[in-house]
Amino acid sequence: MNILNSLRNLFIDFSTQGAFLAGEVPSIDCGEMVLPTVHSGYKQLEIIFFDFFTISENDVIVDVGCGKGRVFNYLLYKGLKNKMIGYEINELLAKKTRILRSEVKTY
């Protein structure tokens, strides 16, 4: 990842949520059933949500395994006002994500 891309990602994180959303969160599982939470890249999210799909204003966006909420963060940055619901198995991470993103319901 080049420095300009890193700075862009940091700008999007802080301009929308005031927090750094990249990085890895260790698994809550002591075994190997649950993988660590890793962040989604904004470049890839642009391709997925704006090149491959058209999101209408009535669509409800659900992110299973939402982690820190970076997918929702990017969609909010792009100006989407859709209902967004996140589900995260890591209860502590879900609580933190809920506090940062009042526009998104996190379970």
N, C-alpha and C. Protein backbone atom coordinates (compact mmCIF):
# COMPACT_ATOMS: atom_id res chain seq x y z
N MET A 1 0.85 -1.17 0.00
CA MET A 1 0.00 0.00 0.00
C MET A 1 0.90 1.24 0.00
N ASN A 2 0.64 2.15 -0.89
CA ASN A 2 1.50 3.33 -0.95
C ASN A 2 1.06 4.38 0.07
N ILE A 3 1.90 5.36 0.27
CA ILE A 3 1.67 6.37 1.30
C ILE A 3 0.42 7.22 1.01
N LEU A 4 0.17 7.53 -0.26
CA LEU A 4 -1.03 8.33 -0.59
C LEU A 4 -2.32 7.56 -0.28
N ASN A 5 -2.33 6.28 -0.58
CA ASN A 5 -3.49 5.45 -0.26
C ASN A 5 -3.69 5.36 1.25
N SER A 6 -2.60 5.20 1.99
CA SER A 6 -2.67 5.14 3.45
C SER A 6 -3.21 6.45 4.03
N LEU A 7 -2.73 7.56 3.50
CA LEU A 7 -3.21 8.87 3.97
C LEU A 7 -4.69 9.08 3.63
N ARG A 8 -5.11 8.63 2.46
CA ARG A 8 -6.52 8.73 2.07
C ARG A 8 -7.39 7.92 3.03
N ASN A 9 -6.96 6.69 3.34
CA ASN A 9 -7.70 5.84 4.27
C ASN A 9 -7.80 6.49 5.65
N LEU A 10 -6.69 7.03 6.12
CA LEU A 10 -6.67 7.70 7.41
C LEU A 10 -7.60 8.92 7.40
N PHE A 11 -7.59 9.68 6.32
CA PHE A 11 -8.47 10.84 6.19
C PHE A 11 -9.94 10.42 6.26
N ILE A 12 -10.31 9.36 5.53
CA ILE A 12 -11.70 8.90 5.54
C ILE A 12 -12.09 8.43 6.94
N ASP A 13 -11.24 7.65 7.59
CA ASP A 13 -11.52 7.17 8.95
C ASP A 13 -11.79 8.35 9.90
N PHE A 14 -10.87 9.29 9.93
CA PHE A 14 -10.98 10.38 10.90
C PHE A 14 -12.02 11.43 10.52
N SER A 15 -12.22 11.66 9.23
CA SER A 15 -13.20 12.69 8.85
C SER A 15 -14.62 12.24 9.11
N THR A 16 -14.88 10.94 9.11
CA THR A 16 -16.23 10.46 9.33
C THR A 16 -16.48 9.97 10.75
N GLN A 17 -15.49 9.37 11.38
CA GLN A 17 -15.71 8.79 12.71
C GLN A 17 -14.73 9.25 13.78
N GLY A 18 -13.69 9.96 13.40
CA GLY A 18 -12.73 10.44 14.39
C GLY A 18 -11.92 9.33 15.04
N ALA A 19 -11.78 8.21 14.35
CA ALA A 19 -11.04 7.08 14.90
C ALA A 19 -10.35 6.32 13.78
N PHE A 20 -9.25 5.67 14.11
CA PHE A 20 -8.53 4.84 13.15
C PHE A 20 -9.21 3.48 13.11
N LEU A 21 -9.72 3.07 11.96
CA LEU A 21 -10.52 1.86 11.84
C LEU A 21 -9.79 0.68 11.20
N ALA A 22 -8.55 0.88 10.79
CA ALA A 22 -7.80 -0.21 10.16
C ALA A 22 -7.19 -1.09 11.25
N GLY A 23 -6.56 -2.15 10.82
CA GLY A 23 -5.88 -3.03 11.75
C GLY A 23 -6.63 -4.31 12.00
N GLU A 24 -6.07 -5.13 12.87
CA GLU A 24 -6.62 -6.44 13.19
C GLU A 24 -7.04 -6.49 14.65
N VAL A 25 -8.17 -7.13 14.91
CA VAL A 25 -8.63 -7.37 16.27
C VAL A 25 -8.52 -8.87 16.51
N PRO A 26 -7.83 -9.29 17.58
CA PRO A 26 -7.68 -10.73 17.83
C PRO A 26 -9.03 -11.44 17.96
N SER A 27 -9.03 -12.70 17.64
CA SER A 27 -10.23 -13.52 17.72
C SER A 27 -10.68 -13.67 19.17
N ILE A 28 -11.99 -13.81 19.37
CA ILE A 28 -12.52 -14.08 20.71
C ILE A 28 -12.48 -15.57 21.02
N ASP A 29 -12.15 -16.36 20.03
CA ASP A 29 -12.13 -17.82 20.16
C ASP A 29 -10.70 -18.26 20.45
N CYS A 30 -10.52 -19.06 21.50
CA CYS A 30 -9.18 -19.56 21.82
C CYS A 30 -8.72 -20.62 20.84
N GLY A 31 -9.66 -21.24 20.13
CA GLY A 31 -9.33 -22.27 19.15
C GLY A 31 -9.15 -21.63 17.78
N GLU A 32 -9.58 -22.35 16.77
CA GLU A 32 -9.40 -21.85 15.41
C GLU A 32 -10.73 -21.70 14.68
N MET A 33 -11.84 -21.60 15.41
CA MET A 33 -13.15 -21.52 14.78
C MET A 33 -13.51 -20.11 14.32
N VAL A 34 -13.00 -19.09 14.99
CA VAL A 34 -13.31 -17.71 14.65
C VAL A 34 -12.02 -17.01 14.26
N LEU A 35 -11.99 -16.47 13.06
CA LEU A 35 -10.79 -15.78 12.58
C LEU A 35 -10.70 -14.38 13.17
N PRO A 36 -9.50 -13.79 13.24
CA PRO A 36 -9.37 -12.41 13.70
C PRO A 36 -10.14 -11.47 12.78
N THR A 37 -10.56 -10.34 13.33
CA THR A 37 -11.23 -9.31 12.54
C THR A 37 -10.17 -8.48 11.83
N VAL A 38 -10.29 -8.33 10.53
CA VAL A 38 -9.37 -7.49 9.76
C VAL A 38 -10.18 -6.44 9.01
N HIS A 39 -9.56 -5.32 8.72
CA HIS A 39 -10.30 -4.23 8.09
C HIS A 39 -10.50 -4.45 6.59
N SER A 40 -11.54 -3.83 6.07
CA SER A 40 -11.80 -3.82 4.62
C SER A 40 -11.09 -2.61 4.03
N GLY A 41 -10.53 -2.79 2.84
CA GLY A 41 -9.87 -1.68 2.17
C GLY A 41 -10.88 -0.80 1.44
N TYR A 42 -10.74 0.50 1.56
CA TYR A 42 -11.67 1.43 0.91
C TYR A 42 -11.66 1.30 -0.60
N LYS A 43 -10.50 1.01 -1.16
CA LYS A 43 -10.40 0.83 -2.61
C LYS A 43 -11.27 -0.35 -3.07
N GLN A 44 -11.22 -1.44 -2.32
CA GLN A 44 -12.02 -2.61 -2.64
C GLN A 44 -13.51 -2.35 -2.41
N LEU A 45 -13.83 -1.60 -1.38
CA LEU A 45 -15.24 -1.27 -1.11
C LEU A 45 -15.83 -0.41 -2.23
N GLU A 46 -15.03 0.47 -2.78
CA GLU A 46 -15.48 1.29 -3.91
C GLU A 46 -15.88 0.39 -5.08
N ILE A 47 -15.05 -0.60 -5.37
CA ILE A 47 -15.34 -1.53 -6.47
C ILE A 47 -16.60 -2.34 -6.17
N ILE A 48 -16.67 -2.91 -4.98
CA ILE A 48 -17.81 -3.76 -4.63
C ILE A 48 -19.12 -3.00 -4.66
N PHE A 49 -19.17 -1.87 -3.98
CA PHE A 49 -20.45 -1.17 -3.80
C PHE A 49 -20.81 -0.19 -4.92
N PHE A 50 -19.84 0.27 -5.69
CA PHE A 50 -20.16 1.28 -6.68
C PHE A 50 -19.85 0.86 -8.12
N ASP A 51 -19.04 -0.17 -8.30
CA ASP A 51 -18.79 -0.67 -9.65
C ASP A 51 -19.65 -1.88 -9.97
N PHE A 52 -19.86 -2.76 -8.99
CA PHE A 52 -20.61 -4.00 -9.22
C PHE A 52 -22.09 -3.88 -8.91
N PHE A 53 -22.46 -3.03 -7.99
CA PHE A 53 -23.84 -2.95 -7.54
C PHE A 53 -24.36 -1.52 -7.59
N THR A 54 -25.67 -1.39 -7.64
CA THR A 54 -26.32 -0.10 -7.49
C THR A 54 -27.14 -0.17 -6.22
N ILE A 55 -26.88 0.71 -5.30
CA ILE A 55 -27.61 0.74 -4.04
C ILE A 55 -28.70 1.78 -4.16
N SER A 56 -29.95 1.34 -3.98
CA SER A 56 -31.06 2.30 -4.04
C SER A 56 -31.30 2.87 -2.65
N GLU A 57 -32.02 3.98 -2.58
CA GLU A 57 -32.23 4.64 -1.29
C GLU A 57 -33.09 3.82 -0.33
N ASN A 58 -33.83 2.83 -0.84
CA ASN A 58 -34.67 1.99 0.02
C ASN A 58 -33.98 0.71 0.47
N ASP A 59 -32.78 0.44 -0.03
CA ASP A 59 -32.06 -0.77 0.36
C ASP A 59 -31.61 -0.68 1.82
N VAL A 60 -31.70 -1.80 2.51
CA VAL A 60 -31.15 -1.93 3.86
C VAL A 60 -29.85 -2.69 3.72
N ILE A 61 -28.77 -2.13 4.26
CA ILE A 61 -27.45 -2.72 4.12
C ILE A 61 -27.12 -3.46 5.42
N VAL A 62 -26.81 -4.75 5.31
CA VAL A 62 -26.49 -5.58 6.46
C VAL A 62 -25.07 -6.09 6.30
N ASP A 63 -24.28 -5.93 7.35
CA ASP A 63 -22.90 -6.43 7.35
C ASP A 63 -22.77 -7.45 8.47
N VAL A 64 -22.65 -8.72 8.10
CA VAL A 64 -22.46 -9.78 9.08
C VAL A 64 -20.96 -9.91 9.33
N GLY A 65 -20.57 -9.68 10.57
CA GLY A 65 -19.15 -9.65 10.91
C GLY A 65 -18.61 -8.25 10.66
N CYS A 66 -19.33 -7.24 11.14
CA CYS A 66 -19.02 -5.84 10.80
C CYS A 66 -17.75 -5.30 11.44
N GLY A 67 -17.22 -5.99 12.44
CA GLY A 67 -15.97 -5.52 13.05
C GLY A 67 -16.08 -4.10 13.55
N LYS A 68 -15.15 -3.25 13.14
CA LYS A 68 -15.11 -1.85 13.55
C LYS A 68 -16.08 -0.98 12.75
N GLY A 69 -16.76 -1.57 11.79
CA GLY A 69 -17.74 -0.81 11.01
C GLY A 69 -17.15 -0.04 9.84
N ARG A 70 -16.03 -0.48 9.33
CA ARG A 70 -15.36 0.24 8.25
C ARG A 70 -16.17 0.26 6.96
N VAL A 71 -16.94 -0.82 6.68
CA VAL A 71 -17.79 -0.84 5.48
C VAL A 71 -18.83 0.27 5.60
N PHE A 72 -19.50 0.33 6.75
CA PHE A 72 -20.50 1.38 6.96
C PHE A 72 -19.87 2.76 6.92
N ASN A 73 -18.70 2.87 7.51
CA ASN A 73 -18.00 4.15 7.51
C ASN A 73 -17.79 4.66 6.09
N TYR A 74 -17.38 3.77 5.20
CA TYR A 74 -17.14 4.18 3.82
C TYR A 74 -18.45 4.58 3.13
N LEU A 75 -19.49 3.82 3.37
CA LEU A 75 -20.79 4.14 2.75
C LEU A 75 -21.32 5.48 3.27
N LEU A 76 -21.12 5.77 4.54
CA LEU A 76 -21.51 7.07 5.09
C LEU A 76 -20.66 8.18 4.47
N TYR A 77 -19.37 7.92 4.33
CA TYR A 77 -18.45 8.89 3.69
C TYR A 77 -18.90 9.21 2.27
N LYS A 78 -19.42 8.20 1.56
CA LYS A 78 -19.89 8.38 0.19
C LYS A 78 -21.28 9.04 0.14
N GLY A 79 -21.87 9.31 1.31
CA GLY A 79 -23.12 10.03 1.37
C GLY A 79 -24.37 9.18 1.44
N LEU A 80 -24.24 7.87 1.59
CA LEU A 80 -25.43 7.02 1.68
C LEU A 80 -26.15 7.26 3.00
N LYS A 81 -27.46 7.28 2.94
CA LYS A 81 -28.28 7.50 4.13
C LYS A 81 -29.18 6.30 4.41
N ASN A 82 -28.84 5.17 3.82
CA ASN A 82 -29.63 3.95 3.98
C ASN A 82 -29.62 3.47 5.43
N LYS A 83 -30.62 2.66 5.76
CA LYS A 83 -30.61 1.96 7.03
C LYS A 83 -29.48 0.94 6.95
N MET A 84 -28.64 0.89 8.00
CA MET A 84 -27.50 -0.02 8.02
C MET A 84 -27.53 -0.80 9.33
N ILE A 85 -27.36 -2.11 9.21
CA ILE A 85 -27.38 -2.98 10.38
C ILE A 85 -26.11 -3.82 10.36
N GLY A 86 -25.39 -3.81 11.48
CA GLY A 86 -24.19 -4.61 11.59
C GLY A 86 -24.35 -5.68 12.65
N TYR A 87 -23.82 -6.85 12.38
CA TYR A 87 -23.80 -7.94 13.35
C TYR A 87 -22.36 -8.32 13.59
N GLU A 88 -21.96 -8.34 14.86
CA GLU A 88 -20.59 -8.68 15.22
C GLU A 88 -20.62 -9.65 16.40
N ILE A 89 -19.92 -10.78 16.27
CA ILE A 89 -19.90 -11.81 17.30
C ILE A 89 -19.07 -11.40 18.52
N ASN A 90 -18.09 -10.53 18.33
CA ASN A 90 -17.24 -10.05 19.42
C ASN A 90 -18.00 -8.93 20.13
N GLU A 91 -18.55 -9.24 21.31
CA GLU A 91 -19.43 -8.32 22.02
C GLU A 91 -18.75 -6.99 22.36
N LEU A 92 -17.51 -7.03 22.82
CA LEU A 92 -16.80 -5.80 23.16
C LEU A 92 -16.58 -4.92 21.93
N LEU A 93 -16.20 -5.53 20.82
CA LEU A 93 -16.00 -4.79 19.58
C LEU A 93 -17.33 -4.21 19.08
N ALA A 94 -18.42 -4.98 19.20
CA ALA A 94 -19.73 -4.50 18.77
C ALA A 94 -20.15 -3.28 19.58
N LYS A 95 -19.90 -3.29 20.88
CA LYS A 95 -20.26 -2.14 21.73
C LYS A 95 -19.47 -0.90 21.33
N LYS A 96 -18.18 -1.09 21.07
CA LYS A 96 -17.34 0.04 20.67
C LYS A 96 -17.80 0.59 19.31
N THR A 97 -18.11 -0.31 18.39
CA THR A 97 -18.57 0.10 17.06
C THR A 97 -19.89 0.86 17.17
N ARG A 98 -20.79 0.40 18.02
CA ARG A 98 -22.08 1.04 18.21
C ARG A 98 -21.90 2.47 18.72
N ILE A 99 -20.97 2.68 19.63
CA ILE A 99 -20.72 4.02 20.18
C ILE A 99 -20.19 4.95 19.10
N LEU A 100 -19.25 4.49 18.28
CA LEU A 100 -18.66 5.33 17.24
C LEU A 100 -19.64 5.67 16.13
N ARG A 101 -20.50 4.73 15.78
CA ARG A 101 -21.38 4.89 14.64
C ARG A 101 -22.83 4.94 15.05
N SER A 102 -23.28 6.11 15.50
CA SER A 102 -24.67 6.23 15.97
C SER A 102 -25.68 6.04 14.84
N GLU A 103 -25.25 6.17 13.57
CA GLU A 103 -26.17 6.00 12.44
C GLU A 103 -26.43 4.54 12.14
N VAL A 104 -25.67 3.64 12.74
CA VAL A 104 -25.73 2.22 12.40
C VAL A 104 -26.15 1.42 13.62
N LYS A 105 -27.11 0.51 13.47
CA LYS A 105 -27.48 -0.41 14.54
C LYS A 105 -26.50 -1.57 14.50
N THR A 106 -25.87 -1.87 15.65
CA THR A 106 -24.93 -2.97 15.73
C THR A 106 -25.42 -3.97 16.76
N TYR A 107 -25.44 -5.25 16.38
CA TYR A 107 -25.88 -6.33 17.29
C TYR A 107 -24.75 -7.25 17.58
